N, C-alpha and C. Protein backbone atom coordinates (compact mmCIF):
# COMPACT_ATOMS: atom_id res chain seq x y z
N MET A 1 1.19 -1.32 -0.84
CA MET A 1 0.73 0.07 0.18
C MET A 1 1.14 1.02 0.13
N ALA A 2 1.07 2.16 -0.38
CA ALA A 2 1.66 3.26 -0.68
C ALA A 2 0.92 4.76 0.18
N ASP A 3 1.66 4.84 0.36
CA ASP A 3 2.00 6.29 1.42
C ASP A 3 1.65 8.01 1.05
N VAL A 4 2.17 7.75 -0.81
CA VAL A 4 2.05 8.99 -1.22
C VAL A 4 1.65 10.18 -1.12
N HIS A 5 0.33 9.24 -0.68
CA HIS A 5 -0.94 10.88 0.13
C HIS A 5 0.18 11.81 0.90
N GLN A 6 0.70 10.98 1.34
CA GLN A 6 1.43 11.77 3.33
C GLN A 6 2.34 12.28 3.64
N ARG A 7 3.04 12.25 1.25
CA ARG A 7 3.95 13.08 1.59
C ARG A 7 4.49 13.70 0.12
N ALA A 8 3.37 14.17 -0.42
CA ALA A 8 3.27 15.04 -0.96
C ALA A 8 2.26 15.65 -1.09
N ALA A 9 2.42 16.43 -1.90
CA ALA A 9 0.79 18.13 -1.55
C ALA A 9 0.07 18.33 -2.75
N THR A 10 -0.28 17.39 -3.91
CA THR A 10 -0.42 18.00 -5.08
C THR A 10 -0.56 16.25 -4.96
N LEU A 11 -1.47 16.18 -6.58
CA LEU A 11 -1.81 14.86 -6.72
C LEU A 11 -1.33 14.65 -7.68
N PRO A 12 -0.65 15.72 -8.82
CA PRO A 12 0.34 15.02 -10.07
C PRO A 12 1.04 15.44 -8.77
N GLU A 13 1.33 15.04 -8.27
CA GLU A 13 3.31 15.25 -7.15
C GLU A 13 3.03 13.82 -6.52
N MET A 14 1.69 13.44 -6.59
CA MET A 14 1.22 12.03 -5.28
C MET A 14 1.85 10.57 -6.61
N ALA A 15 1.65 11.18 -7.64
CA ALA A 15 0.89 10.32 -8.86
C ALA A 15 2.77 10.19 -8.96
N ALA A 16 3.53 11.11 -9.75
CA ALA A 16 4.97 11.11 -9.52
C ALA A 16 5.83 10.49 -8.62
N LEU A 17 5.72 10.75 -7.47
CA LEU A 17 6.05 9.91 -5.82
C LEU A 17 5.54 8.76 -6.31
N LEU A 18 4.49 8.14 -7.02
CA LEU A 18 4.99 6.29 -6.47
C LEU A 18 4.94 5.72 -7.61
N LEU A 19 5.60 7.11 -9.08
CA LEU A 19 5.72 5.92 -9.92
C LEU A 19 7.33 6.64 -10.19
N ALA A 20 8.05 6.97 -8.83
CA ALA A 20 8.99 7.63 -9.15
C ALA A 20 9.86 6.25 -8.64
N GLU A 21 8.70 5.99 -6.72
CA GLU A 21 9.36 5.34 -6.32
C GLU A 21 8.58 2.95 -6.57
N GLN A 22 8.34 2.73 -7.09
CA GLN A 22 7.61 1.90 -7.57
C GLN A 22 7.89 1.11 -8.85
N PRO A 23 9.38 0.99 -8.76
CA PRO A 23 9.98 0.38 -11.24
C PRO A 23 9.22 0.14 -10.84
N GLY A 24 8.78 -0.91 -12.65
CA GLY A 24 7.77 -1.03 -13.94
C GLY A 24 7.22 -1.25 -13.88
N GLU A 25 6.19 -2.15 -14.20
CA GLU A 25 4.33 -2.07 -14.22
C GLU A 25 3.94 -1.61 -13.95
N LEU A 26 3.13 -0.98 -13.23
CA LEU A 26 2.32 -1.32 -11.98
C LEU A 26 0.38 -1.49 -12.15
N LEU A 27 0.07 -2.09 -11.16
CA LEU A 27 -1.75 -2.14 -11.38
C LEU A 27 -1.67 -1.27 -10.02
N LEU A 28 -2.46 -0.55 -10.69
CA LEU A 28 -2.76 0.34 -9.09
C LEU A 28 -4.59 0.90 -9.56
N VAL A 29 -4.28 0.66 -7.90
CA VAL A 29 -5.93 0.97 -7.70
C VAL A 29 -5.98 1.55 -6.25
N GLY A 30 -7.25 2.45 -6.28
CA GLY A 30 -7.46 3.09 -5.83
C GLY A 30 -9.19 3.03 -5.41
N ALA A 31 -8.97 4.08 -3.85
CA ALA A 31 -10.76 4.41 -3.63
C ALA A 31 -10.33 6.07 -3.15
N SER A 32 -11.23 6.14 -3.15
CA SER A 32 -12.20 7.56 -3.46
C SER A 32 -10.66 9.05 -4.27
N MET A 33 -10.39 9.97 -3.11
CA MET A 33 -9.75 10.57 -3.34
C MET A 33 -7.52 9.12 -4.47
N GLY A 34 -7.83 8.21 -3.58
CA GLY A 34 -6.75 7.49 -4.21
C GLY A 34 -7.23 7.02 -5.85
N GLY A 35 -9.03 7.76 -6.09
CA GLY A 35 -8.71 6.63 -7.08
C GLY A 35 -8.11 8.26 -8.71
N ARG A 36 -7.98 9.34 -7.78
CA ARG A 36 -7.25 9.21 -8.20
C ARG A 36 -5.30 9.68 -9.19
N ILE A 37 -5.88 8.41 -8.54
CA ILE A 37 -3.79 7.20 -9.24
C ILE A 37 -4.10 7.62 -10.36
N ALA A 38 -5.98 7.89 -11.15
CA ALA A 38 -5.07 8.27 -12.74
C ALA A 38 -4.53 8.93 -13.56
N GLU A 39 -4.79 9.48 -12.63
CA GLU A 39 -2.54 10.91 -12.70
C GLU A 39 -1.87 10.07 -13.00
N ALA A 40 -1.35 8.84 -12.85
CA ALA A 40 -0.26 7.96 -13.44
C ALA A 40 -0.50 7.77 -14.45
N ALA A 41 -1.95 6.87 -14.64
CA ALA A 41 -1.39 6.86 -16.78
C ALA A 41 -1.27 7.81 -16.78
N ARG A 42 -2.28 8.54 -16.68
CA ARG A 42 -1.44 10.27 -17.71
C ARG A 42 -0.09 10.49 -17.67
N GLN A 43 -0.06 10.69 -16.71
CA GLN A 43 1.50 10.94 -17.07
C GLN A 43 2.42 9.35 -17.45
N ALA A 44 2.52 8.27 -16.94
CA ALA A 44 3.48 6.85 -17.63
C ALA A 44 1.96 6.56 -18.02
N PRO A 45 1.49 6.74 -19.22
CA PRO A 45 1.04 5.55 -19.53
C PRO A 45 0.81 4.30 -19.87
N HIS A 46 2.38 3.93 -19.72
CA HIS A 46 3.46 2.41 -20.77
C HIS A 46 3.47 1.61 -19.73
N ARG A 47 3.41 2.86 -18.03
CA ARG A 47 4.08 2.17 -17.24
C ARG A 47 2.64 1.49 -16.14
N VAL A 48 1.28 1.53 -16.39
CA VAL A 48 -0.15 1.82 -15.48
C VAL A 48 -0.36 0.27 -16.26
N ARG A 49 -0.21 -1.06 -16.71
CA ARG A 49 -0.77 -1.82 -16.34
C ARG A 49 -2.57 -2.66 -16.77
N GLY A 50 -2.96 -2.01 -15.37
CA GLY A 50 -4.28 -2.01 -15.20
C GLY A 50 -4.48 -0.89 -13.57
N LEU A 51 -5.88 -0.53 -14.01
CA LEU A 51 -6.87 0.34 -13.13
C LEU A 51 -7.73 -0.07 -12.27
N ALA A 52 -8.04 0.60 -10.89
CA ALA A 52 -8.97 -0.42 -10.49
C ALA A 52 -9.64 1.31 -10.75
N LEU A 53 -10.06 1.69 -10.03
CA LEU A 53 -11.14 3.07 -9.59
C LEU A 53 -12.43 3.41 -8.38
N LEU A 54 -12.97 2.76 -7.02
CA LEU A 54 -14.01 2.45 -6.24
C LEU A 54 -13.95 4.12 -6.38
N GLY A 55 -15.38 3.63 -6.17
CA GLY A 55 -16.39 5.67 -5.49
C GLY A 55 -15.18 7.17 -5.81
N SER A 56 -14.91 6.81 -7.13
CA SER A 56 -14.00 8.00 -6.98
C SER A 56 -14.07 9.28 -8.19
N THR A 57 -13.90 9.64 -9.21
CA THR A 57 -14.39 10.63 -9.96
C THR A 57 -12.79 10.94 -10.35
N ALA A 58 -13.16 11.89 -11.58
CA ALA A 58 -12.18 12.64 -12.41
C ALA A 58 -12.89 14.71 -12.37
N ARG A 59 -13.57 14.22 -12.12
CA ARG A 59 -13.15 16.24 -12.35
C ARG A 59 -13.12 16.21 -11.35
N ALA A 60 -12.78 18.35 -11.33
CA ALA A 60 -11.96 18.94 -10.53
C ALA A 60 -12.53 19.19 -9.53
N ASP A 61 -12.54 19.56 -8.43
CA ASP A 61 -14.08 20.21 -7.80
C ASP A 61 -15.11 21.63 -7.70
N THR A 62 -16.49 21.32 -7.84
CA THR A 62 -16.75 22.82 -7.96
C THR A 62 -16.55 24.12 -6.44
N GLU A 63 -16.28 24.90 -7.23
CA GLU A 63 -15.97 26.33 -6.51
C GLU A 63 -17.50 25.94 -4.82
N GLU A 64 -18.31 24.97 -4.66
CA GLU A 64 -19.76 25.13 -3.82
C GLU A 64 -18.63 23.69 -2.91
N LEU A 65 -18.09 22.85 -3.74
CA LEU A 65 -17.17 21.86 -2.89
C LEU A 65 -16.39 22.71 -1.99
N ARG A 66 -15.10 23.86 -3.00
CA ARG A 66 -14.01 24.15 -2.62
C ARG A 66 -14.46 24.85 -1.18
N ALA A 67 -15.90 25.48 -1.76
CA ALA A 67 -16.23 26.43 -0.04
C ALA A 67 -16.14 25.52 1.06
N LEU A 68 -16.95 24.31 0.86
CA LEU A 68 -16.63 23.16 1.79
C LEU A 68 -15.05 22.36 2.02
N ARG A 69 -14.82 22.44 1.87
CA ARG A 69 -13.67 21.61 1.34
C ARG A 69 -12.83 22.95 3.05
N SER A 70 -12.91 23.22 2.27
CA SER A 70 -11.66 25.86 2.97
C SER A 70 -13.20 25.67 4.54
N GLU A 71 -14.09 24.51 4.71
CA GLU A 71 -13.98 25.09 5.89
C GLU A 71 -13.62 24.27 6.46
N ALA A 72 -14.26 23.30 6.29
CA ALA A 72 -13.29 21.97 6.54
C ALA A 72 -12.13 22.61 7.21
N VAL A 73 -10.85 22.87 6.14
CA VAL A 73 -9.14 22.84 6.66
C VAL A 73 -9.46 23.88 8.15
N THR A 74 -9.83 24.36 7.97
CA THR A 74 -9.87 25.43 9.03
C THR A 74 -11.08 24.68 10.47
N GLN A 75 -11.95 24.15 9.69
CA GLN A 75 -11.77 23.61 11.91
C GLN A 75 -10.77 22.53 11.81
N PHE A 76 -10.98 21.85 11.04
CA PHE A 76 -9.58 21.43 11.69
C PHE A 76 -7.77 21.07 11.85
N GLU A 77 -7.57 23.06 12.33
CA GLU A 77 -6.54 23.63 11.91
C GLU A 77 -6.99 23.97 13.85
N SER A 78 -7.93 24.86 13.38
CA SER A 78 -8.04 25.26 14.79
C SER A 78 -8.26 23.88 16.27
N GLY A 79 -8.38 22.36 14.96
CA GLY A 79 -8.60 21.62 16.58
C GLY A 79 -10.23 21.26 16.65
N ARG A 80 -11.32 22.12 16.12
CA ARG A 80 -12.42 21.79 16.55
C ARG A 80 -13.71 20.76 15.42
N GLY A 81 -12.97 19.94 15.03
CA GLY A 81 -13.68 18.56 14.05
C GLY A 81 -14.65 17.86 14.42
N GLU A 82 -13.78 18.25 15.59
CA GLU A 82 -14.46 16.17 16.37
C GLU A 82 -16.14 16.26 15.18
N ASP A 83 -16.92 16.59 15.23
CA ASP A 83 -18.30 17.02 15.43
C ASP A 83 -18.21 16.63 13.60
N LEU A 84 -17.61 17.27 12.99
CA LEU A 84 -17.84 17.36 11.83
C LEU A 84 -17.18 16.40 11.20
N LEU A 85 -16.43 15.45 12.05
CA LEU A 85 -16.25 13.61 11.57
C LEU A 85 -17.23 13.04 12.18
N GLU A 86 -18.02 12.83 13.04
CA GLU A 86 -19.29 12.58 13.33
C GLU A 86 -20.21 12.64 12.14
N ALA A 87 -19.96 13.78 12.44
CA ALA A 87 -21.11 14.67 10.47
C ALA A 87 -21.43 13.22 9.43
N ASN A 88 -20.03 13.10 9.60
CA ASN A 88 -19.58 12.49 7.76
C ASN A 88 -20.16 10.65 8.05
N VAL A 89 -19.59 9.77 9.60
CA VAL A 89 -20.03 8.98 9.49
C VAL A 89 -21.00 8.82 8.80
N TRP A 90 -22.15 9.19 9.12
CA TRP A 90 -23.67 8.90 9.06
C TRP A 90 -23.62 9.79 7.13
N PHE A 91 -22.93 10.15 6.87
CA PHE A 91 -23.01 10.80 5.09
C PHE A 91 -22.60 9.59 4.64
N VAL A 92 -21.00 8.35 5.26
CA VAL A 92 -20.48 8.27 4.05
C VAL A 92 -21.17 6.40 4.15
N PHE A 93 -21.20 5.38 5.16
CA PHE A 93 -22.68 4.99 4.83
C PHE A 93 -23.68 5.30 4.68
N HIS A 94 -24.01 3.58 3.66
CA HIS A 94 -25.83 3.57 3.26
C HIS A 94 -26.43 3.03 4.48
N ARG A 95 -27.29 4.13 4.75
CA ARG A 95 -28.29 4.27 5.75
C ARG A 95 -28.69 1.97 6.53
N SER A 96 -28.75 0.91 5.50
CA SER A 96 -28.74 -0.35 5.86
C SER A 96 -26.62 -0.86 6.73
N ALA A 97 -25.93 -0.22 6.80
CA ALA A 97 -24.88 -0.27 8.06
C ALA A 97 -24.40 1.08 9.00
N TRP A 98 -25.97 1.65 9.17
CA TRP A 98 -25.69 2.64 10.60
C TRP A 98 -26.16 1.86 11.78
N ASP A 99 -26.88 0.64 11.32
CA ASP A 99 -27.11 -0.09 13.37
C ASP A 99 -26.12 -1.23 13.21
N ASP A 100 -24.20 -1.01 12.40
CA ASP A 100 -23.53 -1.70 12.68
C ASP A 100 -22.67 -0.89 13.01
N ASP A 101 -22.95 -1.33 13.94
CA ASP A 101 -21.83 -0.11 15.58
C ASP A 101 -19.85 -0.58 14.91
N ALA A 102 -19.78 -1.75 15.22
CA ALA A 102 -17.88 -2.78 14.77
C ALA A 102 -18.24 -1.69 13.39
N LEU A 103 -18.94 -1.96 12.84
CA LEU A 103 -18.22 -1.15 11.56
C LEU A 103 -18.26 0.38 11.28
N LEU A 104 -18.78 1.27 11.99
CA LEU A 104 -19.00 2.24 12.11
C LEU A 104 -17.52 2.34 12.62
N ASP A 105 -17.02 2.05 13.99
CA ASP A 105 -16.79 3.03 14.84
C ASP A 105 -15.01 2.06 14.36
N ARG A 106 -14.57 1.29 13.13
CA ARG A 106 -13.86 0.81 12.47
C ARG A 106 -13.62 1.76 11.89
N TYR A 107 -14.16 2.31 11.32
CA TYR A 107 -14.43 4.09 10.25
C TYR A 107 -14.28 5.18 11.39
N ARG A 108 -14.08 5.34 11.95
CA ARG A 108 -13.75 5.96 13.72
C ARG A 108 -12.69 6.16 13.87
N ALA A 109 -11.83 5.55 14.01
CA ALA A 109 -11.03 5.06 14.40
C ALA A 109 -9.93 4.91 13.11
N MET A 110 -9.68 4.83 11.91
CA MET A 110 -9.20 4.89 10.73
C MET A 110 -8.95 6.49 10.86
N LEU A 111 -10.59 7.09 10.54
CA LEU A 111 -9.72 8.85 11.45
C LEU A 111 -8.62 9.69 11.87
N ARG A 112 -9.54 8.80 12.88
CA ARG A 112 -8.70 9.16 13.81
C ARG A 112 -6.88 9.32 14.12
N ARG A 113 -6.66 7.71 13.27
CA ARG A 113 -5.32 7.74 13.23
C ARG A 113 -4.67 8.46 11.81
N THR A 114 -5.90 8.82 10.68
CA THR A 114 -5.89 9.44 9.71
C THR A 114 -5.20 11.46 10.90
N GLY A 115 -5.82 11.74 11.17
CA GLY A 115 -4.91 12.34 12.20
C GLY A 115 -5.85 13.72 11.31
N PHE A 116 -5.63 15.52 12.00
CA PHE A 116 -6.25 16.59 10.61
C PHE A 116 -5.61 17.17 10.41
N ALA A 117 -3.96 16.31 10.44
CA ALA A 117 -3.33 17.06 9.93
C ALA A 117 -3.23 16.76 8.28
N GLN A 118 -2.33 15.66 8.56
CA GLN A 118 -3.74 14.74 7.00
C GLN A 118 -4.67 14.47 6.72
N LEU A 119 -5.86 15.46 7.15
CA LEU A 119 -7.70 14.99 6.26
C LEU A 119 -7.08 16.72 5.82
N VAL A 120 -6.74 17.38 6.48
CA VAL A 120 -6.13 19.20 5.88
C VAL A 120 -4.99 18.88 4.39
N ARG A 121 -4.41 18.23 4.42
CA ARG A 121 -3.86 17.87 3.08
C ARG A 121 -4.09 17.02 2.63
N GLN A 122 -5.42 16.20 2.78
CA GLN A 122 -5.64 15.84 1.88
C GLN A 122 -6.88 16.41 1.02
N ASN A 123 -7.67 17.45 1.77
CA ASN A 123 -8.72 18.29 1.23
C ASN A 123 -8.08 18.98 0.79
N ARG A 124 -6.82 20.25 0.56
CA ARG A 124 -6.58 20.98 -0.22
C ARG A 124 -5.92 20.17 -1.95
N ALA A 125 -5.59 19.12 -1.49
CA ALA A 125 -5.07 18.38 -2.89
C ALA A 125 -6.06 18.32 -3.38
N MET A 126 -7.50 18.49 -2.75
CA MET A 126 -8.55 17.57 -4.20
C MET A 126 -9.03 18.73 -4.96
N MET A 127 -8.86 20.22 -3.72
CA MET A 127 -9.81 21.55 -3.65
C MET A 127 -8.70 22.03 -4.72
N ALA A 128 -6.55 21.21 -5.34
CA ALA A 128 -6.50 22.05 -5.86
C ALA A 128 -6.36 21.27 -7.85
N ALA A 129 -6.84 19.89 -7.47
CA ALA A 129 -7.06 18.72 -8.52
C ALA A 129 -7.45 19.78 -9.88
N HIS A 130 -6.82 19.89 -10.43
CA HIS A 130 -7.59 20.03 -11.88
C HIS A 130 -8.28 18.58 -12.82
N ASP A 131 -9.26 19.05 -13.92
CA ASP A 131 -10.58 18.06 -14.06
C ASP A 131 -9.05 16.64 -15.11
N LEU A 132 -9.65 15.32 -15.37
CA LEU A 132 -8.82 15.48 -15.40
C LEU A 132 -9.16 13.52 -16.40
N ARG A 133 -10.95 14.28 -16.62
CA ARG A 133 -11.73 13.76 -17.85
C ARG A 133 -11.04 13.73 -19.48
N PRO A 134 -10.51 15.49 -19.47
CA PRO A 134 -9.96 15.18 -21.18
C PRO A 134 -9.38 13.83 -21.17
N TRP A 135 -8.53 13.75 -20.58
CA TRP A 135 -7.13 12.46 -20.09
C TRP A 135 -7.88 10.56 -20.15
N LEU A 136 -8.96 10.83 -19.87
CA LEU A 136 -9.76 9.36 -19.91
C LEU A 136 -8.82 8.76 -21.00
N ALA A 137 -9.60 9.41 -22.21
CA ALA A 137 -9.81 8.72 -23.12
C ALA A 137 -7.81 7.76 -23.83
N GLY A 138 -7.75 8.45 -23.08
CA GLY A 138 -5.85 7.91 -23.78
C GLY A 138 -4.94 6.91 -22.42
N ILE A 139 -6.47 5.89 -21.23
CA ILE A 139 -5.82 5.10 -21.45
C ILE A 139 -6.36 4.40 -21.73
N GLY A 140 -5.66 3.11 -21.42
CA GLY A 140 -5.59 2.09 -21.91
C GLY A 140 -5.33 1.41 -22.04
N CYS A 141 -5.26 0.32 -20.75
CA CYS A 141 -4.71 -0.19 -20.50
C CYS A 141 -6.46 -1.12 -19.46
N PRO A 142 -6.85 -2.00 -18.78
CA PRO A 142 -7.56 -2.61 -18.56
C PRO A 142 -7.83 -1.79 -17.00
N THR A 143 -9.80 -1.19 -17.20
CA THR A 143 -9.73 -0.49 -16.36
C THR A 143 -12.19 -0.75 -15.91
N LEU A 144 -11.70 -1.31 -15.03
CA LEU A 144 -12.73 -1.14 -13.77
C LEU A 144 -13.17 -0.39 -12.55
N VAL A 145 -13.99 0.33 -12.81
CA VAL A 145 -15.08 1.76 -11.65
C VAL A 145 -15.68 0.30 -11.32
N VAL A 146 -16.06 1.21 -10.21
CA VAL A 146 -17.22 0.32 -8.98
C VAL A 146 -17.27 1.64 -8.49
N CYS A 147 -18.78 1.86 -7.47
CA CYS A 147 -18.84 2.76 -6.54
C CYS A 147 -21.67 2.94 -6.31
N GLY A 148 -21.09 2.69 -4.87
CA GLY A 148 -22.10 2.26 -4.69
C GLY A 148 -23.01 2.87 -5.54
N GLU A 149 -24.26 2.70 -5.27
CA GLU A 149 -25.29 2.75 -5.82
C GLU A 149 -26.25 4.62 -5.44
N ASN A 150 -25.79 4.37 -3.51
CA ASN A 150 -25.60 5.69 -2.95
C ASN A 150 -24.72 6.56 -2.63
N ASP A 151 -23.46 6.13 -3.32
CA ASP A 151 -22.66 7.23 -2.49
C ASP A 151 -23.13 8.94 -2.64
N GLY A 152 -22.97 9.30 -1.76
CA GLY A 152 -23.03 10.69 -1.59
C GLY A 152 -22.35 11.44 -1.97
N VAL A 153 -21.53 11.00 -1.89
CA VAL A 153 -19.42 11.58 -2.05
C VAL A 153 -19.05 11.58 -3.16
N THR A 154 -18.35 10.79 -4.08
CA THR A 154 -18.46 10.38 -6.18
C THR A 154 -19.87 10.22 -5.85
N PRO A 155 -20.96 10.66 -6.32
CA PRO A 155 -22.23 10.02 -6.88
C PRO A 155 -22.12 8.75 -7.93
N PRO A 156 -23.47 7.78 -8.65
CA PRO A 156 -22.73 6.94 -9.53
C PRO A 156 -22.24 7.91 -11.16
N GLU A 157 -23.07 9.41 -11.39
CA GLU A 157 -22.69 9.70 -12.45
C GLU A 157 -21.63 10.27 -12.80
N CYS A 158 -20.63 9.90 -11.29
CA CYS A 158 -18.91 10.53 -11.31
C CYS A 158 -18.37 8.83 -11.91
N SER A 159 -18.86 8.22 -11.24
CA SER A 159 -18.57 6.55 -11.91
C SER A 159 -18.62 6.16 -13.37
N ARG A 160 -19.44 6.75 -13.64
CA ARG A 160 -20.68 6.90 -14.75
C ARG A 160 -19.40 7.63 -16.75
N GLU A 161 -19.11 8.80 -15.68
CA GLU A 161 -18.36 9.19 -16.32
C GLU A 161 -16.99 8.57 -16.90
N LEU A 162 -15.91 8.28 -15.38
CA LEU A 162 -15.36 7.48 -15.82
C LEU A 162 -15.45 6.12 -16.51
N ALA A 163 -16.03 5.43 -16.87
CA ALA A 163 -16.30 4.10 -17.51
C ALA A 163 -16.70 4.55 -18.82
N GLN A 164 -17.39 5.82 -19.46
CA GLN A 164 -17.81 6.03 -20.04
C GLN A 164 -16.68 6.89 -20.62
N GLY A 165 -15.33 7.52 -20.36
CA GLY A 165 -13.58 8.26 -20.74
C GLY A 165 -13.47 7.23 -20.74
N ILE A 166 -12.72 6.36 -20.06
CA ILE A 166 -12.11 5.30 -21.01
C ILE A 166 -12.50 4.09 -21.33
N PRO A 167 -11.20 4.51 -23.11
CA PRO A 167 -11.51 2.63 -23.02
C PRO A 167 -12.31 1.57 -23.04
N GLY A 168 -13.34 0.43 -23.31
CA GLY A 168 -12.70 -0.90 -22.24
C GLY A 168 -13.62 -0.61 -21.61
N ALA A 169 -13.29 0.33 -20.37
CA ALA A 169 -13.32 0.23 -19.24
C ALA A 169 -14.80 -0.56 -18.28
N ARG A 170 -14.91 -1.27 -18.14
CA ARG A 170 -16.09 -1.81 -17.09
C ARG A 170 -16.79 -1.06 -15.94
N LEU A 171 -18.05 -0.77 -15.25
CA LEU A 171 -18.46 -0.34 -14.90
C LEU A 171 -19.69 -1.30 -14.11
N SER A 172 -19.42 -1.33 -12.36
CA SER A 172 -20.29 -2.37 -11.27
C SER A 172 -20.09 -0.59 -11.05
N LEU A 173 -21.76 -0.65 -10.13
CA LEU A 173 -22.58 -0.01 -9.48
C LEU A 173 -22.98 -1.25 -8.68
N LEU A 174 -22.69 -1.52 -6.27
CA LEU A 174 -23.34 -2.22 -6.01
C LEU A 174 -24.06 -1.95 -5.40
N PRO A 175 -25.48 -1.84 -5.54
CA PRO A 175 -27.18 -1.93 -4.50
C PRO A 175 -26.89 -1.58 -2.82
N GLU A 176 -27.48 -1.06 -2.51
CA GLU A 176 -27.39 -0.61 -0.74
C GLU A 176 -26.34 -0.72 -0.20
N CYS A 177 -25.14 0.91 -0.56
CA CYS A 177 -23.71 1.12 -0.41
C CYS A 177 -23.32 2.08 -0.66
N GLY A 178 -22.83 2.85 0.55
CA GLY A 178 -22.97 4.24 0.28
C GLY A 178 -21.27 4.53 -0.21
N HIS A 179 -20.44 5.62 0.13
CA HIS A 179 -19.61 6.05 -0.59
C HIS A 179 -17.85 5.51 0.02
N MET A 180 -18.50 4.18 1.15
CA MET A 180 -17.28 2.71 1.70
C MET A 180 -17.51 2.32 1.44
N LEU A 181 -17.45 1.85 -0.07
CA LEU A 181 -17.76 0.49 -0.71
C LEU A 181 -16.63 -0.08 0.09
N THR A 182 -15.59 -0.68 0.07
CA THR A 182 -14.96 -1.18 0.50
C THR A 182 -14.66 -2.01 1.58
N MET A 183 -15.31 -0.17 2.52
CA MET A 183 -15.59 -1.41 3.59
C MET A 183 -17.28 -1.92 3.95
N GLU A 184 -17.78 -1.05 3.53
CA GLU A 184 -19.55 -1.91 3.07
C GLU A 184 -19.69 -3.42 2.26
N LYS A 185 -19.12 -2.52 1.67
CA LYS A 185 -19.33 -4.24 0.29
C LYS A 185 -17.89 -4.64 0.29
N PRO A 186 -17.17 -6.22 0.75
CA PRO A 186 -16.10 -5.76 0.64
C PRO A 186 -16.03 -7.79 0.80
N VAL A 187 -17.15 -7.80 -0.14
CA VAL A 187 -17.29 -9.74 -0.39
C VAL A 187 -16.72 -9.05 -2.19
N ALA A 188 -18.10 -8.62 -2.02
CA ALA A 188 -18.84 -7.78 -3.75
C ALA A 188 -17.29 -6.89 -4.01
N VAL A 189 -16.71 -6.91 -3.39
CA VAL A 189 -15.41 -5.32 -4.27
C VAL A 189 -14.45 -6.30 -4.26
N ASN A 190 -14.11 -7.52 -3.51
CA ASN A 190 -13.27 -7.98 -4.00
C ASN A 190 -13.14 -8.94 -4.88
N ALA A 191 -14.22 -9.97 -4.88
CA ALA A 191 -14.98 -10.72 -6.42
C ALA A 191 -14.89 -9.28 -7.46
N LEU A 192 -14.85 -7.54 -7.67
CA LEU A 192 -15.29 -7.44 -8.75
C LEU A 192 -13.44 -7.77 -9.60
N LEU A 193 -12.29 -7.06 -8.14
CA LEU A 193 -11.39 -6.85 -8.40
C LEU A 193 -10.34 -8.27 -9.24
N GLN A 194 -11.12 -9.20 -8.32
CA GLN A 194 -10.36 -10.80 -8.78
C GLN A 194 -10.30 -11.31 -10.17
N GLU A 195 -11.86 -10.67 -10.81
CA GLU A 195 -12.12 -10.23 -12.50
C GLU A 195 -11.10 -9.37 -12.68
N TRP A 196 -11.26 -9.00 -12.90
CA TRP A 196 -9.88 -7.25 -13.34
C TRP A 196 -8.72 -7.63 -12.96
N LEU A 197 -8.47 -8.62 -11.73
CA LEU A 197 -6.45 -9.32 -11.78
C LEU A 197 -6.46 -9.88 -12.99
N ALA A 198 -7.53 -10.17 -13.60
CA ALA A 198 -7.32 -12.08 -14.63
C ALA A 198 -7.31 -10.97 -15.33
N ALA A 199 -8.47 -9.95 -15.18
CA ALA A 199 -8.24 -9.12 -17.14
C ALA A 199 -7.32 -8.62 -17.34
N THR A 200 -6.45 -8.07 -16.43
CA THR A 200 -5.03 -7.90 -16.47
C THR A 200 -3.86 -9.31 -17.26
N GLY A 201 -4.57 -9.99 -16.83
CA GLY A 201 -3.16 -11.40 -16.89
C GLY A 201 -2.23 -11.62 -15.80
N ALA A 202 -2.81 -10.85 -14.77
CA ALA A 202 -2.04 -10.67 -13.24
C ALA A 202 -2.66 -12.08 -12.60
N GLY A 203 -4.17 -11.93 -12.49
CA GLY A 203 -4.77 -13.07 -12.24
C GLY A 203 -4.69 -14.68 -11.82
């Protein structure tokens, strides 16, 4: 698992660092902001053998979304982000997961491990991200696009754009699933990834 998001400030810099540190051909899997690793396929298409983009988007932030992220950054930097993170728990999961205390607590623990400083860096990176949609047609590797049907963070329309823009991409929408698809539907996601790996010749 790469940690370039912890050591670079922008998404292009993260992709460049990943390419520099991981030699040879790459099979890249990214969820949410991690799905923006498609930037690596833009920078070095000959290096990327396959892409799996989970709950992600190629769009740049709207002005409204930048404003929301800016407010979140202000709260995190002032140490007042706990209420925001708790509200986020109920937003990123489908309602069917709301009674799964163990699952929600795992998510809360993940956010605590991430910490406010890293959340600030991630939000700033997304605020500065450019629109990747014009470059999607240049991606030539086997690509899997997966999204929860009820994802409120990166709605299915974002995944449809990815799949329509990348030649030969496969799109799968998971029912009764929100943004945290790898936590909500791990069996279904893993099955899709196994099929994708086989399509790349690595399975």
